[in-house]
Structure formats: structure tokens, C-alpha cells
Amino acid sequence: MRISRRKRDLIPKRLIKDAIKIVEDKKAKDIVLLNLKEISTITDYFIICGGESSLHMRSIAQELEENLSKQGVTLLNPKDFMNNRWILLDFGSIVVHIFSQAGRDFYQLERLWADAGKTIVSDQ
């Protein structure tokens, strides 16, 4: 089955909306959306957010995986890519980065991908 370009473009938009709602509901901090479509071949979007603790970070990750898998979205990376500073969830067209404050300060993804279109979703 061939999916039209218009329909393909709608898939990430729905996924972005759903993923952002999930991280907001789990009280993630400083949520940022980076549009990488024009500058990267690895993914279309990054969602970057923070957790208050490693338990909070894992809770956000688990909620994302469970809810998106119910919609038929598969997590593409192994679950062992999680630590106390950074959890990466690769859903194909969207990659979600959940950081501790120390991890976010250290890796500075927003600075590394400064050429991307940036949308601040939440800055609490």
C-alpha cells in the first residue's frame, strides 16, 4: 500500500500532538519541539523534555511507550538506552529525549541542533 505525501505528513503531526500531550500530562518540564525535517535524515522531529528524578523520567518514558504502542506506533530502539541522565525513545519520525537537568545541561541538544525550527511547548 502506498501512502500519499499528504497523509505521510499528517502521521508525524498527530504523533507529535499525542506525544506532547502525554509528556505534559506526566508533568515533564521545559518541553521543546525541534523540527529537523530540512536539516537531518535521521528523524523529522525531536521532542525534548525534562524529569524531576530518574523515577519521573522512567514514568514519562513508560507512559509514552504504552500509549503510542496502543496506536500502533513502535518503539524502534532497545529499552536499555535509559540512564539517570537521559532516556531516548525513537519512534521513527519523532525521537523523544527525556533529560535530567544535569543531562540536559551537559548534552545541550537545543544548542547542538540550533539550525532546527524550535517551538517551546512548556517552560516550567
PDB file of N, CA and C in Angstrom:
ATOM      1  N   MET A   1       0.835  -1.174   0.000  1.00  0.00           N
ATOM      2  CA  MET A   1       0.000   0.000   0.000  1.00  0.00           C
ATOM      3  C   MET A   1       0.884   1.243   0.000  1.00  0.00           C
ATOM      4  N   ARG A   2       0.565   2.161  -0.858  1.00  0.00           N
ATOM      5  CA  ARG A   2       1.325   3.405  -0.957  1.00  0.00           C
ATOM      6  C   ARG A   2       0.579   4.525  -0.242  1.00  0.00           C
ATOM      7  N   ILE A   3       1.296   5.249   0.611  1.00  0.00           N
ATOM      8  CA  ILE A   3       0.700   6.362   1.354  1.00  0.00           C
ATOM      9  C   ILE A   3       1.082   7.658   0.668  1.00  0.00           C
ATOM     10  N   SER A   4       0.089   8.508   0.405  1.00  0.00           N
ATOM     11  CA  SER A   4       0.368   9.790  -0.250  1.00  0.00           C
ATOM     12  C   SER A   4       1.239  10.659   0.642  1.00  0.00           C
ATOM     13  N   ARG A   5       1.970  11.592   0.021  1.00  0.00           N
ATOM     14  CA  ARG A   5       2.827  12.512   0.784  1.00  0.00           C
ATOM     15  C   ARG A   5       2.009  13.295   1.801  1.00  0.00           C
ATOM     16  N   ARG A   6       0.830  13.724   1.415  1.00  0.00           N
ATOM     17  CA  ARG A   6      -0.027  14.486   2.329  1.00  0.00           C
ATOM     18  C   ARG A   6      -0.372  13.663   3.572  1.00  0.00           C
ATOM     19  N   LYS A   7      -0.729  12.396   3.387  1.00  0.00           N
ATOM     20  CA  LYS A   7      -1.038  11.534   4.526  1.00  0.00           C
ATOM     21  C   LYS A   7       0.200  11.262   5.360  1.00  0.00           C
ATOM     22  N   ARG A   8       1.348  11.056   4.709  1.00  0.00           N
ATOM     23  CA  ARG A   8       2.602  10.829   5.440  1.00  0.00           C
ATOM     24  C   ARG A   8       2.928  12.021   6.320  1.00  0.00           C
ATOM     25  N   ASP A   9       2.672  13.229   5.838  1.00  0.00           N
ATOM     26  CA  ASP A   9       2.947  14.434   6.622  1.00  0.00           C
ATOM     27  C   ASP A   9       2.006  14.560   7.814  1.00  0.00           C
ATOM     28  N   LEU A  10       0.808  13.990   7.724  1.00  0.00           N
ATOM     29  CA  LEU A  10      -0.132  14.061   8.829  1.00  0.00           C
ATOM     30  C   LEU A  10       0.235  13.096   9.954  1.00  0.00           C
ATOM     31  N   ILE A  11       0.862  11.991   9.622  1.00  0.00           N
ATOM     32  CA  ILE A  11       1.212  10.993  10.634  1.00  0.00           C
ATOM     33  C   ILE A  11       2.106  11.605  11.710  1.00  0.00           C
ATOM     34  N   PRO A  12       3.240  12.266  11.374  1.00  0.00           N
ATOM     35  CA  PRO A  12       4.053  12.860  12.441  1.00  0.00           C
ATOM     36  C   PRO A  12       3.320  13.953  13.208  1.00  0.00           C
ATOM     37  N   LYS A  13       2.458  14.716  12.547  1.00  0.00           N
ATOM     38  CA  LYS A  13       1.746  15.788  13.245  1.00  0.00           C
ATOM     39  C   LYS A  13       0.824  15.225  14.321  1.00  0.00           C
ATOM     40  N   ARG A  14       0.116  14.161  14.017  1.00  0.00           N
ATOM     41  CA  ARG A  14      -0.737  13.523  15.014  1.00  0.00           C
ATOM     42  C   ARG A  14       0.114  12.920  16.125  1.00  0.00           C
ATOM     43  N   LEU A  15       1.204  12.295  15.740  1.00  0.00           N
ATOM     44  CA  LEU A  15       2.114  11.683  16.712  1.00  0.00           C
ATOM     45  C   LEU A  15       2.739  12.749  17.618  1.00  0.00           C
ATOM     46  N   ILE A  16       3.126  13.875  17.059  1.00  0.00           N
ATOM     47  CA  ILE A  16       3.677  14.978  17.858  1.00  0.00           C
ATOM     48  C   ILE A  16       2.646  15.448  18.880  1.00  0.00           C
ATOM     49  N   LYS A  17       1.438  15.687  18.416  1.00  0.00           N
ATOM     50  CA  LYS A  17       0.372  16.167  19.307  1.00  0.00           C
ATOM     51  C   LYS A  17       0.142  15.178  20.442  1.00  0.00           C
ATOM     52  N   ASP A  18       0.050  13.902  20.111  1.00  0.00           N
ATOM     53  CA  ASP A  18      -0.202  12.880  21.131  1.00  0.00           C
ATOM     54  C   ASP A  18       0.969  12.758  22.100  1.00  0.00           C
ATOM     55  N   ALA A  19       2.193  12.763  21.582  1.00  0.00           N
ATOM     56  CA  ALA A  19       3.379  12.623  22.441  1.00  0.00           C
ATOM     57  C   ALA A  19       3.514  13.830  23.377  1.00  0.00           C
ATOM     58  N   ILE A  20       3.271  15.020  22.860  1.00  0.00           N
ATOM     59  CA  ILE A  20       3.365  16.217  23.704  1.00  0.00           C
ATOM     60  C   ILE A  20       2.293  16.190  24.788  1.00  0.00           C
ATOM     61  N   LYS A  21       1.097  15.768  24.454  1.00  0.00           N
ATOM     62  CA  LYS A  21       0.028  15.664  25.458  1.00  0.00           C
ATOM     63  C   LYS A  21       0.426  14.686  26.558  1.00  0.00           C
ATOM     64  N   ILE A  22       1.024  13.574  26.188  1.00  0.00           N
ATOM     65  CA  ILE A  22       1.444  12.568  27.171  1.00  0.00           C
ATOM     66  C   ILE A  22       2.500  13.140  28.108  1.00  0.00           C
ATOM     67  N   VAL A  23       3.538  13.783  27.559  1.00  0.00           N
ATOM     68  CA  VAL A  23       4.592  14.317  28.440  1.00  0.00           C
ATOM     69  C   VAL A  23       4.068  15.469  29.298  1.00  0.00           C
ATOM     70  N   GLU A  24       3.143  16.263  28.753  1.00  0.00           N
ATOM     71  CA  GLU A  24       2.526  17.321  29.564  1.00  0.00           C
ATOM     72  C   GLU A  24       1.719  16.718  30.714  1.00  0.00           C
ATOM     73  N   ASP A  25       0.931  15.687  30.417  1.00  0.00           N
ATOM     74  CA  ASP A  25       0.119  15.035  31.450  1.00  0.00           C
ATOM     75  C   ASP A  25       0.977  14.400  32.541  1.00  0.00           C
ATOM     76  N   LYS A  26       2.193  13.980  32.191  1.00  0.00           N
ATOM     77  CA  LYS A  26       3.113  13.384  33.169  1.00  0.00           C
ATOM     78  C   LYS A  26       3.981  14.442  33.840  1.00  0.00           C
ATOM     79  N   LYS A  27       3.656  15.714  33.604  1.00  0.00           N
ATOM     80  CA  LYS A  27       4.326  16.850  34.266  1.00  0.00           C
ATOM     81  C   LYS A  27       5.808  16.980  33.899  1.00  0.00           C
ATOM     82  N   ALA A  28       6.149  16.672  32.643  1.00  0.00           N
ATOM     83  CA  ALA A  28       7.518  16.894  32.165  1.00  0.00           C
ATOM     84  C   ALA A  28       7.805  18.390  32.172  1.00  0.00           C
ATOM     85  N   LYS A  29       9.060  18.746  32.313  1.00  0.00           N
ATOM     86  CA  LYS A  29       9.476  20.149  32.410  1.00  0.00           C
ATOM     87  C   LYS A  29      10.128  20.609  31.103  1.00  0.00           C
ATOM     88  N   ASP A  30      10.010  21.896  30.832  1.00  0.00           N
ATOM     89  CA  ASP A  30      10.728  22.544  29.724  1.00  0.00           C
ATOM     90  C   ASP A  30      10.624  21.760  28.418  1.00  0.00           C
ATOM     91  N   ILE A  31       9.405  21.578  27.934  1.00  0.00           N
ATOM     92  CA  ILE A  31       9.158  20.797  26.723  1.00  0.00           C
ATOM     93  C   ILE A  31       9.444  21.655  25.494  1.00  0.00           C
ATOM     94  N   VAL A  32      10.276  21.118  24.602  1.00  0.00           N
ATOM     95  CA  VAL A  32      10.667  21.812  23.374  1.00  0.00           C
ATOM     96  C   VAL A  32      10.487  20.859  22.197  1.00  0.00           C
ATOM     97  N   LEU A  33       9.991  21.384  21.087  1.00  0.00           N
ATOM     98  CA  LEU A  33       9.865  20.638  19.841  1.00  0.00           C
ATOM     99  C   LEU A  33      10.847  21.222  18.840  1.00  0.00           C
ATOM    100  N   LEU A  34      11.713  20.378  18.289  1.00  0.00           N
ATOM    101  CA  LEU A  34      12.638  20.803  17.237  1.00  0.00           C
ATOM    102  C   LEU A  34      12.227  20.162  15.922  1.00  0.00           C
ATOM    103  N   ASN A  35      12.081  20.973  14.887  1.00  0.00           N
ATOM    104  CA  ASN A  35      11.750  20.491  13.550  1.00  0.00           C
ATOM    105  C   ASN A  35      13.059  20.288  12.788  1.00  0.00           C
ATOM    106  N   LEU A  36      13.374  19.025  12.521  1.00  0.00           N
ATOM    107  CA  LEU A  36      14.634  18.677  11.857  1.00  0.00           C
ATOM    108  C   LEU A  36      14.444  18.278  10.401  1.00  0.00           C
ATOM    109  N   LYS A  37      13.223  18.382   9.888  1.00  0.00           N
ATOM    110  CA  LYS A  37      12.919  17.885   8.546  1.00  0.00           C
ATOM    111  C   LYS A  37      13.872  18.401   7.468  1.00  0.00           C
ATOM    112  N   GLU A  38      14.212  19.658   7.534  1.00  0.00           N
ATOM    113  CA  GLU A  38      15.037  20.271   6.489  1.00  0.00           C
ATOM    114  C   GLU A  38      16.543  20.096   6.704  1.00  0.00           C
ATOM    115  N   ILE A  39      16.940  19.635   7.902  1.00  0.00           N
ATOM    116  CA  ILE A  39      18.378  19.611   8.197  1.00  0.00           C
ATOM    117  C   ILE A  39      18.922  18.240   8.588  1.00  0.00           C
ATOM    118  N   SER A  40      18.070  17.223   8.656  1.00  0.00           N
ATOM    119  CA  SER A  40      18.535  15.918   9.100  1.00  0.00           C
ATOM    120  C   SER A  40      17.802  14.791   8.378  1.00  0.00           C
ATOM    121  N   THR A  41      18.496  13.689   8.203  1.00  0.00           N
ATOM    122  CA  THR A  41      17.868  12.500   7.625  1.00  0.00           C
ATOM    123  C   THR A  41      17.549  11.451   8.685  1.00  0.00           C
ATOM    124  N   ILE A  42      17.952  11.680   9.932  1.00  0.00           N
ATOM    125  CA  ILE A  42      17.743  10.665  10.963  1.00  0.00           C
ATOM    126  C   ILE A  42      16.311  10.649  11.510  1.00  0.00           C
ATOM    127  N   THR A  43      15.666  11.787  11.543  1.00  0.00           N
ATOM    128  CA  THR A  43      14.284  11.890  12.023  1.00  0.00           C
ATOM    129  C   THR A  43      13.719  13.232  11.586  1.00  0.00           C
ATOM    130  N   ASP A  44      12.416  13.381  11.740  1.00  0.00           N
ATOM    131  CA  ASP A  44      11.776  14.646  11.390  1.00  0.00           C
ATOM    132  C   ASP A  44      11.709  15.614  12.570  1.00  0.00           C
ATOM    133  N   TYR A  45      11.495  15.069  13.774  1.00  0.00           N
ATOM    134  CA  TYR A  45      11.302  15.923  14.939  1.00  0.00           C
ATOM    135  C   TYR A  45      11.976  15.344  16.173  1.00  0.00           C
ATOM    136  N   PHE A  46      12.431  16.224  17.041  1.00  0.00           N
ATOM    137  CA  PHE A  46      12.855  15.882  18.397  1.00  0.00           C
ATOM    138  C   PHE A  46      11.848  16.521  19.345  1.00  0.00           C
ATOM    139  N   ILE A  47      11.427  15.778  20.332  1.00  0.00           N
ATOM    140  CA  ILE A  47      10.737  16.354  21.477  1.00  0.00           C
ATOM    141  C   ILE A  47      11.717  16.217  22.629  1.00  0.00           C
ATOM    142  N   ILE A  48      12.043  17.329  23.253  1.00  0.00           N
ATOM    143  CA  ILE A  48      12.997  17.339  24.363  1.00  0.00           C
ATOM    144  C   ILE A  48      12.246  17.816  25.605  1.00  0.00           C
ATOM    145  N   CYS A  49      12.417  17.080  26.691  1.00  0.00           N
ATOM    146  CA  CYS A  49      11.761  17.473  27.935  1.00  0.00           C
ATOM    147  C   CYS A  49      12.597  17.011  29.121  1.00  0.00           C
ATOM    148  N   GLY A  50      12.193  17.433  30.301  1.00  0.00           N
ATOM    149  CA  GLY A  50      12.930  17.086  31.498  1.00  0.00           C
ATOM    150  C   GLY A  50      12.063  16.414  32.537  1.00  0.00           C
ATOM    151  N   GLY A  51      12.724  15.612  33.367  1.00  0.00           N
ATOM    152  CA  GLY A  51      12.068  14.978  34.500  1.00  0.00           C
ATOM    153  C   GLY A  51      12.722  15.425  35.788  1.00  0.00           C
ATOM    154  N   GLU A  52      11.981  15.360  36.879  1.00  0.00           N
ATOM    155  CA  GLU A  52      12.473  15.801  38.184  1.00  0.00           C
ATOM    156  C   GLU A  52      13.438  14.793  38.812  1.00  0.00           C
ATOM    157  N   SER A  53      13.298  13.523  38.448  1.00  0.00           N
ATOM    158  CA  SER A  53      14.126  12.458  39.011  1.00  0.00           C
ATOM    159  C   SER A  53      14.192  11.319  38.005  1.00  0.00           C
ATOM    160  N   SER A  54      15.054  10.334  38.263  1.00  0.00           N
ATOM    161  CA  SER A  54      15.137   9.202  37.339  1.00  0.00           C
ATOM    162  C   SER A  54      13.817   8.424  37.330  1.00  0.00           C
ATOM    163  N   LEU A  55      13.138   8.349  38.456  1.00  0.00           N
ATOM    164  CA  LEU A  55      11.835   7.686  38.508  1.00  0.00           C
ATOM    165  C   LEU A  55      10.809   8.440  37.667  1.00  0.00           C
ATOM    166  N   HIS A  56      10.799   9.767  37.767  1.00  0.00           N
ATOM    167  CA  HIS A  56       9.899  10.590  36.960  1.00  0.00           C
ATOM    168  C   HIS A  56      10.209  10.415  35.474  1.00  0.00           C
ATOM    169  N   MET A  57      11.484  10.404  35.127  1.00  0.00           N
ATOM    170  CA  MET A  57      11.887  10.228  33.728  1.00  0.00           C
ATOM    171  C   MET A  57      11.400   8.882  33.192  1.00  0.00           C
ATOM    172  N   ARG A  58      11.591   7.821  33.951  1.00  0.00           N
ATOM    173  CA  ARG A  58      11.147   6.481  33.522  1.00  0.00           C
ATOM    174  C   ARG A  58       9.629   6.424  33.402  1.00  0.00           C
ATOM    175  N   SER A  59       8.936   7.118  34.291  1.00  0.00           N
ATOM    176  CA  SER A  59       7.476   7.154  34.238  1.00  0.00           C
ATOM    177  C   SER A  59       6.991   7.824  32.946  1.00  0.00           C
ATOM    178  N   ILE A  60       7.630   8.909  32.566  1.00  0.00           N
ATOM    179  CA  ILE A  60       7.293   9.594  31.309  1.00  0.00           C
ATOM    180  C   ILE A  60       7.547   8.659  30.129  1.00  0.00           C
ATOM    181  N   ALA A  61       8.703   8.006  30.125  1.00  0.00           N
ATOM    182  CA  ALA A  61       9.066   7.093  29.034  1.00  0.00           C
ATOM    183  C   ALA A  61       8.082   5.933  28.926  1.00  0.00           C
ATOM    184  N   GLN A  62       7.734   5.353  30.054  1.00  0.00           N
ATOM    185  CA  GLN A  62       6.811   4.220  30.059  1.00  0.00           C
ATOM    186  C   GLN A  62       5.436   4.628  29.532  1.00  0.00           C
ATOM    187  N   GLU A  63       4.974   5.788  29.959  1.00  0.00           N
ATOM    188  CA  GLU A  63       3.665   6.277  29.507  1.00  0.00           C
ATOM    189  C   GLU A  63       3.664   6.525  27.990  1.00  0.00           C
ATOM    190  N   LEU A  64       4.747   7.106  27.486  1.00  0.00           N
ATOM    191  CA  LEU A  64       4.862   7.327  26.039  1.00  0.00           C
ATOM    192  C   LEU A  64       4.812   6.007  25.287  1.00  0.00           C
ATOM    193  N   GLU A  65       5.639   5.064  25.711  1.00  0.00           N
ATOM    194  CA  GLU A  65       5.696   3.784  25.001  1.00  0.00           C
ATOM    195  C   GLU A  65       4.345   3.068  25.047  1.00  0.00           C
ATOM    196  N   GLU A  66       3.724   3.017  26.213  1.00  0.00           N
ATOM    197  CA  GLU A  66       2.443   2.312  26.338  1.00  0.00           C
ATOM    198  C   GLU A  66       1.352   2.954  25.491  1.00  0.00           C
ATOM    199  N   ASN A  67       1.210   4.271  25.595  1.00  0.00           N
ATOM    200  CA  ASN A  67       0.135   4.945  24.870  1.00  0.00           C
ATOM    201  C   ASN A  67       0.348   4.945  23.361  1.00  0.00           C
ATOM    202  N   LEU A  68       1.572   5.169  22.922  1.00  0.00           N
ATOM    203  CA  LEU A  68       1.815   5.198  21.476  1.00  0.00           C
ATOM    204  C   LEU A  68       1.744   3.795  20.879  1.00  0.00           C
ATOM    205  N   SER A  69       2.144   2.778  21.639  1.00  0.00           N
ATOM    206  CA  SER A  69       2.047   1.405  21.112  1.00  0.00           C
ATOM    207  C   SER A  69       0.580   1.003  20.929  1.00  0.00           C
ATOM    208  N   LYS A  70      -0.312   1.531  21.759  1.00  0.00           N
ATOM    209  CA  LYS A  70      -1.753   1.267  21.588  1.00  0.00           C
ATOM    210  C   LYS A  70      -2.265   1.836  20.276  1.00  0.00           C
ATOM    211  N   GLN A  71      -1.560   2.862  19.765  1.00  0.00           N
ATOM    212  CA  GLN A  71      -1.929   3.480  18.489  1.00  0.00           C
ATOM    213  C   GLN A  71      -1.197   2.831  17.317  1.00  0.00           C
ATOM    214  N   GLY A  72      -0.419   1.795  17.604  1.00  0.00           N
ATOM    215  CA  GLY A  72       0.310   1.096  16.554  1.00  0.00           C
ATOM    216  C   GLY A  72       1.668   1.682  16.241  1.00  0.00           C
ATOM    217  N   VAL A  73       2.173   2.578  17.100  1.00  0.00           N
ATOM    218  CA  VAL A  73       3.489   3.189  16.898  1.00  0.00           C
ATOM    219  C   VAL A  73       4.514   2.349  17.652  1.00  0.00           C
ATOM    220  N   THR A  74       5.537   1.903  16.943  1.00  0.00           N
ATOM    221  CA  THR A  74       6.528   1.007  17.516  1.00  0.00           C
ATOM    222  C   THR A  74       7.752   1.772  17.999  1.00  0.00           C
ATOM    223  N   LEU A  75       8.221   1.416  19.196  1.00  0.00           N
ATOM    224  CA  LEU A  75       9.487   1.941  19.697  1.00  0.00           C
ATOM    225  C   LEU A  75      10.602   1.209  18.966  1.00  0.00           C
ATOM    226  N   LEU A  76      11.470   1.950  18.284  1.00  0.00           N
ATOM    227  CA  LEU A  76      12.476   1.343  17.413  1.00  0.00           C
ATOM    228  C   LEU A  76      13.802   1.048  18.103  1.00  0.00           C
ATOM    229  N   ASN A  77      14.076   1.692  19.230  1.00  0.00           N
ATOM    230  CA  ASN A  77      15.350   1.459  19.900  1.00  0.00           C
ATOM    231  C   ASN A  77      15.146   0.549  21.107  1.00  0.00           C
ATOM    232  N   PRO A  78      16.225  -0.107  21.549  1.00  0.00           N
ATOM    233  CA  PRO A  78      16.104  -1.005  22.707  1.00  0.00           C
ATOM    234  C   PRO A  78      15.827  -0.224  23.987  1.00  0.00           C
ATOM    235  N   LYS A  79      15.120  -0.869  24.898  1.00  0.00           N
ATOM    236  CA  LYS A  79      14.766  -0.219  26.159  1.00  0.00           C
ATOM    237  C   LYS A  79      15.972   0.051  27.038  1.00  0.00           C
ATOM    238  N   ASP A  80      17.082  -0.601  26.776  1.00  0.00           N
ATOM    239  CA  ASP A  80      18.244  -0.398  27.646  1.00  0.00           C
ATOM    240  C   ASP A  80      18.965   0.917  27.352  1.00  0.00           C
ATOM    241  N   PHE A  81      18.433   1.752  26.477  1.00  0.00           N
ATOM    242  CA  PHE A  81      19.017   3.067  26.237  1.00  0.00           C
ATOM    243  C   PHE A  81      18.394   4.067  27.206  1.00  0.00           C
ATOM    244  N   MET A  82      18.510   3.739  28.474  1.00  0.00           N
ATOM    245  CA  MET A  82      17.968   4.588  29.524  1.00  0.00           C
ATOM    246  C   MET A  82      18.992   4.662  30.647  1.00  0.00           C
ATOM    247  N   ASN A  83      19.205   5.860  31.182  1.00  0.00           N
ATOM    248  CA  ASN A  83      20.054   6.001  32.353  1.00  0.00           C
ATOM    249  C   ASN A  83      19.527   7.143  33.207  1.00  0.00           C
ATOM    250  N   ASN A  84      20.254   7.518  34.228  1.00  0.00           N
ATOM    251  CA  ASN A  84      19.772   8.542  35.160  1.00  0.00           C
ATOM    252  C   ASN A  84      19.754   9.943  34.567  1.00  0.00           C
ATOM    253  N   ARG A  85      20.437  10.151  33.433  1.00  0.00           N
ATOM    254  CA  ARG A  85      20.552  11.499  32.861  1.00  0.00           C
ATOM    255  C   ARG A  85      19.770  11.687  31.575  1.00  0.00           C
ATOM    256  N   TRP A  86      19.535  10.587  30.841  1.00  0.00           N
ATOM    257  CA  TRP A  86      18.961  10.732  29.514  1.00  0.00           C
ATOM    258  C   TRP A  86      18.241   9.461  29.102  1.00  0.00           C
ATOM    259  N   ILE A  87      17.018   9.600  28.665  1.00  0.00           N
ATOM    260  CA  ILE A  87      16.262   8.493  28.080  1.00  0.00           C
ATOM    261  C   ILE A  87      15.903   8.902  26.661  1.00  0.00           C
ATOM    262  N   LEU A  88      16.241   8.045  25.700  1.00  0.00           N
ATOM    263  CA  LEU A  88      15.951   8.310  24.298  1.00  0.00           C
ATOM    264  C   LEU A  88      14.932   7.289  23.819  1.00  0.00           C
ATOM    265  N   LEU A  89      13.843   7.787  23.225  1.00  0.00           N
ATOM    266  CA  LEU A  89      12.806   6.926  22.663  1.00  0.00           C
ATOM    267  C   LEU A  89      12.666   7.268  21.175  1.00  0.00           C
ATOM    268  N   ASP A  90      12.999   6.307  20.326  1.00  0.00           N
ATOM    269  CA  ASP A  90      12.960   6.512  18.876  1.00  0.00           C
ATOM    270  C   ASP A  90      11.682   5.906  18.315  1.00  0.00           C
ATOM    271  N   PHE A  91      10.782   6.774  17.864  1.00  0.00           N
ATOM    272  CA  PHE A  91       9.536   6.336  17.256  1.00  0.00           C
ATOM    273  C   PHE A  91       9.545   6.567  15.745  1.00  0.00           C
ATOM    274  N   GLY A  92      10.736   6.640  15.155  1.00  0.00           N
ATOM    275  CA  GLY A  92      10.857   6.827  13.710  1.00  0.00           C
ATOM    276  C   GLY A  92      10.889   8.291  13.335  1.00  0.00           C
ATOM    277  N   SER A  93       9.738   8.836  12.967  1.00  0.00           N
ATOM    278  CA  SER A  93       9.699  10.239  12.541  1.00  0.00           C
ATOM    279  C   SER A  93       9.833  11.207  13.715  1.00  0.00           C
ATOM    280  N   ILE A  94       9.699  10.683  14.931  1.00  0.00           N
ATOM    281  CA  ILE A  94       9.858  11.501  16.132  1.00  0.00           C
ATOM    282  C   ILE A  94      10.770  10.767  17.109  1.00  0.00           C
ATOM    283  N   VAL A  95      11.732  11.496  17.656  1.00  0.00           N
ATOM    284  CA  VAL A  95      12.593  10.968  18.709  1.00  0.00           C
ATOM    285  C   VAL A  95      12.356  11.824  19.949  1.00  0.00           C
ATOM    286  N   VAL A  96      12.055  11.162  21.062  1.00  0.00           N
ATOM    287  CA  VAL A  96      11.794  11.866  22.321  1.00  0.00           C
ATOM    288  C   VAL A  96      13.014  11.712  23.222  1.00  0.00           C
ATOM    289  N   HIS A  97      13.500  12.838  23.732  1.00  0.00           N
ATOM    290  CA  HIS A  97      14.635  12.872  24.659  1.00  0.00           C
ATOM    291  C   HIS A  97      14.104  13.346  26.007  1.00  0.00           C
ATOM    292  N   ILE A  98      14.278  12.518  27.029  1.00  0.00           N
ATOM    293  CA  ILE A  98      13.855  12.878  28.379  1.00  0.00           C
ATOM    294  C   ILE A  98      15.121  13.009  29.215  1.00  0.00           C
ATOM    295  N   PHE A  99      15.376  14.211  29.715  1.00  0.00           N
ATOM    296  CA  PHE A  99      16.625  14.502  30.412  1.00  0.00           C
ATOM    297  C   PHE A  99      16.404  14.829  31.883  1.00  0.00           C
ATOM    298  N   SER A 100      17.426  14.525  32.680  1.00  0.00           N
ATOM    299  CA  SER A 100      17.543  15.162  33.987  1.00  0.00           C
ATOM    300  C   SER A 100      18.088  16.561  33.711  1.00  0.00           C
ATOM    301  N   GLN A 101      18.042  17.443  34.685  1.00  0.00           N
ATOM    302  CA  GLN A 101      18.581  18.785  34.463  1.00  0.00           C
ATOM    303  C   GLN A 101      20.079  18.722  34.160  1.00  0.00           C
ATOM    304  N   ALA A 102      20.802  17.871  34.888  1.00  0.00           N
ATOM    305  CA  ALA A 102      22.250  17.734  34.652  1.00  0.00           C
ATOM    306  C   ALA A 102      22.524  17.197  33.254  1.00  0.00           C
ATOM    307  N   GLY A 103      21.745  16.228  32.800  1.00  0.00           N
ATOM    308  CA  GLY A 103      21.920  15.673  31.457  1.00  0.00           C
ATOM    309  C   GLY A 103      21.616  16.690  30.380  1.00  0.00           C
ATOM    310  N   ARG A 104      20.578  17.452  30.576  1.00  0.00           N
ATOM    311  CA  ARG A 104      20.208  18.471  29.584  1.00  0.00           C
ATOM    312  C   ARG A 104      21.273  19.550  29.491  1.00  0.00           C
ATOM    313  N   ASP A 105      21.792  19.965  30.639  1.00  0.00           N
ATOM    314  CA  ASP A 105      22.865  20.959  30.653  1.00  0.00           C
ATOM    315  C   ASP A 105      24.125  20.428  29.977  1.00  0.00           C
ATOM    316  N   PHE A 106      24.419  19.157  30.175  1.00  0.00           N
ATOM    317  CA  PHE A 106      25.637  18.570  29.620  1.00  0.00           C
ATOM    318  C   PHE A 106      25.543  18.377  28.104  1.00  0.00           C
ATOM    319  N   TYR A 107      24.446  17.754  27.634  1.00  0.00           N
ATOM    320  CA  TYR A 107      24.338  17.417  26.206  1.00  0.00           C
ATOM    321  C   TYR A 107      23.907  18.594  25.341  1.00  0.00           C
ATOM    322  N   GLN A 108      23.140  19.515  25.852  1.00  0.00           N
ATOM    323  CA  GLN A 108      22.726  20.735  25.156  1.00  0.00           C
ATOM    324  C   GLN A 108      22.241  20.484  23.718  1.00  0.00           C
ATOM    325  N   LEU A 109      21.276  19.590  23.580  1.00  0.00           N
ATOM    326  CA  LEU A 109      20.768  19.267  22.241  1.00  0.00           C
ATOM    327  C   LEU A 109      20.196  20.469  21.512  1.00  0.00           C
ATOM    328  N   GLU A 110      19.529  21.360  22.256  1.00  0.00           N
ATOM    329  CA  GLU A 110      18.978  22.541  21.584  1.00  0.00           C
ATOM    330  C   GLU A 110      20.085  23.385  20.961  1.00  0.00           C
ATOM    331  N   ARG A 111      21.230  23.461  21.607  1.00  0.00           N
ATOM    332  CA  ARG A 111      22.363  24.209  21.052  1.00  0.00           C
ATOM    333  C   ARG A 111      22.993  23.447  19.887  1.00  0.00           C
ATOM    334  N   LEU A 112      23.122  22.135  20.047  1.00  0.00           N
ATOM    335  CA  LEU A 112      23.703  21.300  19.000  1.00  0.00           C
ATOM    336  C   LEU A 112      22.871  21.364  17.713  1.00  0.00           C
ATOM    337  N   TRP A 113      21.550  21.405  17.850  1.00  0.00           N
ATOM    338  CA  TRP A 113      20.641  21.462  16.708  1.00  0.00           C
ATOM    339  C   TRP A 113      20.049  22.873  16.576  1.00  0.00           C
ATOM    340  N   ALA A 114      20.871  23.884  16.741  1.00  0.00           N
ATOM    341  CA  ALA A 114      20.418  25.282  16.727  1.00  0.00           C
ATOM    342  C   ALA A 114      19.792  25.692  15.388  1.00  0.00           C
ATOM    343  N   ASP A 115      20.128  25.004  14.310  1.00  0.00           N
ATOM    344  CA  ASP A 115      19.563  25.343  12.999  1.00  0.00           C
ATOM    345  C   ASP A 115      18.133  24.840  12.821  1.00  0.00           C
ATOM    346  N   ALA A 116      17.660  24.012  13.744  1.00  0.00           N
ATOM    347  CA  ALA A 116      16.301  23.466  13.651  1.00  0.00           C
ATOM    348  C   ALA A 116      15.274  24.518  14.050  1.00  0.00           C
ATOM    349  N   GLY A 117      14.099  24.393  13.485  1.00  0.00           N
ATOM    350  CA  GLY A 117      12.997  25.234  13.930  1.00  0.00           C
ATOM    351  C   GLY A 117      12.612  24.818  15.342  1.00  0.00           C
ATOM    352  N   LYS A 118      12.521  25.772  16.245  1.00  0.00           N
ATOM    353  CA  LYS A 118      12.292  25.466  17.657  1.00  0.00           C
ATOM    354  C   LYS A 118      10.961  26.021  18.118  1.00  0.00           C
ATOM    355  N   THR A 119      10.175  25.171  18.785  1.00  0.00           N
ATOM    356  CA  THR A 119       8.920  25.581  19.391  1.00  0.00           C
ATOM    357  C   THR A 119       8.977  25.240  20.864  1.00  0.00           C
ATOM    358  N   ILE A 120       8.837  26.238  21.714  1.00  0.00           N
ATOM    359  CA  ILE A 120       8.798  25.989  23.159  1.00  0.00           C
ATOM    360  C   ILE A 120       7.349  25.665  23.510  1.00  0.00           C
ATOM    361  N   VAL A 121       7.137  24.447  23.967  1.00  0.00           N
ATOM    362  CA  VAL A 121       5.800  23.986  24.312  1.00  0.00           C
ATOM    363  C   VAL A 121       5.473  24.360  25.752  1.00  0.00           C
ATOM    364  N   SER A 122       6.433  24.173  26.639  1.00  0.00           N
ATOM    365  CA  SER A 122       6.254  24.467  28.056  1.00  0.00           C
ATOM    366  C   SER A 122       7.599  24.822  28.633  1.00  0.00           C
ATOM    367  N   ASP A 123       7.658  25.871  29.436  1.00  0.00           N
ATOM    368  CA  ASP A 123       8.942  26.267  30.028  1.00  0.00           C
ATOM    369  C   ASP A 123       8.868  26.298  31.545  1.00  0.00           C
ATOM    370  N   GLN A 124       8.107  25.391  32.109  1.00  0.00           N
ATOM    371  CA  GLN A 124       8.017  25.331  33.569  1.00  0.00           C
ATOM    372  C   GLN A 124       9.075  24.442  34.148  1.00  0.00           C
TER     373      GLN A 124
END
